[in-house]
Amino acid sequence: MNHCAAYHRGNGGNAMDNSQNRKILVAYFSAQGATARAARAVAQAVGGTLFEIRPKEPYTDAISTGSIPKAA
């Protein structure tokens, strides 16, 4: 099982290895909140630290709601 943040080759491929010196960071970006909810669940399940990635400049409502006009 290869789950990016939780995977470490040194543990024989066991993504859920519970060694004492393991640190897991669950970094996420969520414009509308769905990814944030999923990231919180993952962080809780693996005992990880949650980190929100935020844009330097806030998105406009059109971007955050997904209502950007499509290119012709």
N, C-alpha and C. Protein backbone atom coordinates (compact mmCIF):
# COMPACT_ATOMS: atom_id res chain seq x y z
N MET A 1 0.85 -1.16 0.00
CA MET A 1 0.00 0.00 0.00
C MET A 1 0.90 1.23 0.00
N ASN A 2 0.74 2.12 -0.97
CA ASN A 2 1.57 3.31 -1.08
C ASN A 2 0.70 4.55 -0.91
N HIS A 3 0.76 5.14 0.27
CA HIS A 3 -0.03 6.35 0.58
C HIS A 3 0.89 7.52 0.82
N CYS A 4 1.53 8.02 -0.18
CA CYS A 4 2.46 9.15 -0.16
C CYS A 4 3.00 9.52 1.22
N ALA A 5 2.22 10.25 2.01
CA ALA A 5 2.74 10.79 3.27
C ALA A 5 3.04 9.70 4.30
N ALA A 6 2.32 8.58 4.25
CA ALA A 6 2.50 7.56 5.27
C ALA A 6 3.44 6.45 4.83
N TYR A 7 3.87 6.44 3.61
CA TYR A 7 4.68 5.35 3.08
C TYR A 7 6.15 5.59 3.34
N HIS A 8 6.84 4.55 3.78
CA HIS A 8 8.27 4.64 4.03
C HIS A 8 8.90 3.30 3.68
N ARG A 9 9.83 3.29 2.72
CA ARG A 9 10.44 2.05 2.25
C ARG A 9 11.12 1.27 3.37
N GLY A 10 11.68 1.94 4.34
CA GLY A 10 12.42 1.28 5.41
C GLY A 10 11.59 0.36 6.28
N ASN A 11 10.27 0.43 6.20
CA ASN A 11 9.45 -0.42 7.05
C ASN A 11 8.86 -1.60 6.28
N GLY A 12 9.49 -1.97 5.19
CA GLY A 12 9.02 -3.11 4.42
C GLY A 12 7.76 -2.83 3.63
N GLY A 13 7.46 -1.56 3.42
CA GLY A 13 6.27 -1.21 2.64
C GLY A 13 5.02 -1.10 3.47
N ASN A 14 5.12 -1.28 4.80
CA ASN A 14 3.95 -1.19 5.66
C ASN A 14 3.64 0.28 5.94
N ALA A 15 2.61 0.80 5.31
CA ALA A 15 2.29 2.23 5.42
C ALA A 15 1.82 2.60 6.82
N MET A 16 1.36 1.66 7.59
CA MET A 16 0.83 1.97 8.91
C MET A 16 1.78 1.53 10.03
N ASP A 17 3.08 1.54 9.80
CA ASP A 17 4.08 1.19 10.80
C ASP A 17 3.97 2.16 11.98
N ASN A 18 3.95 1.65 13.19
CA ASN A 18 3.77 2.51 14.36
C ASN A 18 5.06 2.72 15.13
N SER A 19 6.19 2.91 14.47
CA SER A 19 7.45 3.13 15.15
C SER A 19 7.41 4.46 15.89
N GLN A 20 8.14 4.57 16.99
CA GLN A 20 8.11 5.74 17.86
C GLN A 20 8.67 7.00 17.22
N ASN A 21 9.62 6.90 16.29
CA ASN A 21 10.26 8.09 15.73
C ASN A 21 9.63 8.56 14.43
N ARG A 22 8.50 8.04 14.06
CA ARG A 22 7.81 8.41 12.83
C ARG A 22 7.02 9.69 13.03
N LYS A 23 7.11 10.61 12.07
CA LYS A 23 6.31 11.83 12.08
C LYS A 23 5.60 11.93 10.74
N ILE A 24 4.31 12.20 10.78
CA ILE A 24 3.52 12.30 9.56
C ILE A 24 2.91 13.69 9.48
N LEU A 25 3.11 14.34 8.34
CA LEU A 25 2.51 15.64 8.08
C LEU A 25 1.46 15.46 7.00
N VAL A 26 0.23 15.87 7.28
CA VAL A 26 -0.84 15.84 6.30
C VAL A 26 -1.06 17.29 5.87
N ALA A 27 -0.50 17.64 4.71
CA ALA A 27 -0.63 19.00 4.18
C ALA A 27 -1.74 19.00 3.13
N TYR A 28 -2.57 20.02 3.18
CA TYR A 28 -3.70 20.05 2.24
C TYR A 28 -3.99 21.47 1.80
N PHE A 29 -4.65 21.59 0.65
CA PHE A 29 -5.18 22.84 0.14
C PHE A 29 -6.64 22.59 -0.17
N SER A 30 -7.50 23.43 0.34
CA SER A 30 -8.94 23.22 0.15
C SER A 30 -9.63 24.55 -0.12
N ALA A 31 -10.13 24.73 -1.32
CA ALA A 31 -10.82 25.97 -1.67
C ALA A 31 -12.25 25.99 -1.13
N GLN A 32 -12.90 24.82 -1.07
CA GLN A 32 -14.32 24.77 -0.69
C GLN A 32 -14.59 23.96 0.56
N GLY A 33 -13.57 23.33 1.15
CA GLY A 33 -13.76 22.62 2.41
C GLY A 33 -13.80 21.11 2.33
N ALA A 34 -14.06 20.52 1.17
CA ALA A 34 -14.14 19.06 1.08
C ALA A 34 -12.79 18.41 1.35
N THR A 35 -11.73 18.97 0.79
CA THR A 35 -10.40 18.41 1.01
C THR A 35 -9.97 18.60 2.46
N ALA A 36 -10.37 19.70 3.08
CA ALA A 36 -10.04 19.94 4.49
C ALA A 36 -10.65 18.86 5.37
N ARG A 37 -11.90 18.50 5.11
CA ARG A 37 -12.56 17.45 5.90
C ARG A 37 -11.85 16.11 5.73
N ALA A 38 -11.48 15.80 4.49
CA ALA A 38 -10.77 14.54 4.23
C ALA A 38 -9.40 14.54 4.90
N ALA A 39 -8.69 15.67 4.83
CA ALA A 39 -7.37 15.78 5.44
C ALA A 39 -7.45 15.61 6.95
N ARG A 40 -8.45 16.19 7.59
CA ARG A 40 -8.62 16.02 9.04
C ARG A 40 -8.83 14.56 9.39
N ALA A 41 -9.63 13.86 8.60
CA ALA A 41 -9.87 12.44 8.85
C ALA A 41 -8.60 11.63 8.69
N VAL A 42 -7.82 11.92 7.66
CA VAL A 42 -6.56 11.21 7.44
C VAL A 42 -5.59 11.47 8.58
N ALA A 43 -5.44 12.74 8.96
CA ALA A 43 -4.52 13.09 10.05
C ALA A 43 -4.90 12.38 11.35
N GLN A 44 -6.18 12.33 11.62
CA GLN A 44 -6.63 11.63 12.82
C GLN A 44 -6.37 10.13 12.73
N ALA A 45 -6.62 9.54 11.58
CA ALA A 45 -6.44 8.10 11.41
C ALA A 45 -4.98 7.66 11.53
N VAL A 46 -4.06 8.49 11.07
CA VAL A 46 -2.64 8.11 11.08
C VAL A 46 -1.86 8.78 12.20
N GLY A 47 -2.52 9.61 13.00
CA GLY A 47 -1.84 10.30 14.08
C GLY A 47 -0.90 11.38 13.57
N GLY A 48 -1.27 12.02 12.47
CA GLY A 48 -0.41 13.02 11.85
C GLY A 48 -0.73 14.44 12.27
N THR A 49 0.16 15.33 11.89
CA THR A 49 -0.02 16.75 12.11
C THR A 49 -0.67 17.35 10.88
N LEU A 50 -1.68 18.16 11.09
CA LEU A 50 -2.43 18.77 9.98
C LEU A 50 -1.85 20.13 9.65
N PHE A 51 -1.66 20.40 8.35
CA PHE A 51 -1.12 21.68 7.90
C PHE A 51 -1.91 22.17 6.71
N GLU A 52 -2.52 23.34 6.84
CA GLU A 52 -3.30 23.92 5.75
C GLU A 52 -2.41 24.79 4.87
N ILE A 53 -2.43 24.57 3.57
CA ILE A 53 -1.71 25.39 2.61
C ILE A 53 -2.69 26.47 2.14
N ARG A 54 -2.30 27.72 2.30
CA ARG A 54 -3.18 28.84 1.93
C ARG A 54 -2.53 29.66 0.82
N PRO A 55 -3.35 30.20 -0.09
CA PRO A 55 -2.79 31.06 -1.14
C PRO A 55 -2.31 32.38 -0.53
N LYS A 56 -1.26 32.94 -1.11
CA LYS A 56 -0.75 34.23 -0.64
C LYS A 56 -1.82 35.31 -0.78
N GLU A 57 -2.49 35.30 -1.92
CA GLU A 57 -3.60 36.22 -2.19
C GLU A 57 -4.89 35.40 -2.21
N PRO A 58 -5.92 35.83 -1.47
CA PRO A 58 -7.18 35.07 -1.46
C PRO A 58 -7.77 34.94 -2.86
N TYR A 59 -8.38 33.80 -3.12
CA TYR A 59 -9.05 33.59 -4.40
C TYR A 59 -10.32 34.43 -4.47
N THR A 60 -10.71 34.77 -5.70
CA THR A 60 -11.98 35.46 -5.90
C THR A 60 -13.11 34.46 -5.69
N ASP A 61 -14.32 34.96 -5.54
CA ASP A 61 -15.47 34.07 -5.38
C ASP A 61 -15.64 33.15 -6.58
N ALA A 62 -15.34 33.66 -7.78
CA ALA A 62 -15.49 32.84 -8.99
C ALA A 62 -14.57 31.63 -8.94
N ILE A 63 -13.38 31.80 -8.44
CA ILE A 63 -12.44 30.68 -8.37
C ILE A 63 -12.85 29.73 -7.24
N SER A 64 -13.15 30.28 -6.06
CA SER A 64 -13.44 29.41 -4.92
C SER A 64 -14.75 28.65 -5.07
N THR A 65 -15.69 29.15 -5.87
CA THR A 65 -16.95 28.44 -6.07
C THR A 65 -16.94 27.56 -7.31
N GLY A 66 -15.88 27.66 -8.10
CA GLY A 66 -15.78 26.84 -9.29
C GLY A 66 -16.59 27.38 -10.46
N SER A 67 -16.99 28.65 -10.42
CA SER A 67 -17.82 29.20 -11.48
C SER A 67 -17.02 30.01 -12.50
N ILE A 68 -15.79 29.59 -12.74
CA ILE A 68 -14.94 30.27 -13.71
C ILE A 68 -15.43 29.91 -15.12
N PRO A 69 -15.63 30.91 -15.98
CA PRO A 69 -16.06 30.60 -17.35
C PRO A 69 -15.02 29.75 -18.08
N LYS A 70 -15.49 28.78 -18.82
CA LYS A 70 -14.59 27.91 -19.58
C LYS A 70 -14.09 28.63 -20.84
N ALA A 71 -12.85 28.33 -21.20
CA ALA A 71 -12.27 28.92 -22.42
C ALA A 71 -12.98 28.38 -23.64
N ALA A 72 -13.09 29.19 -24.66
CA ALA A 72 -13.79 28.79 -25.89
C ALA A 72 -12.96 27.84 -26.72
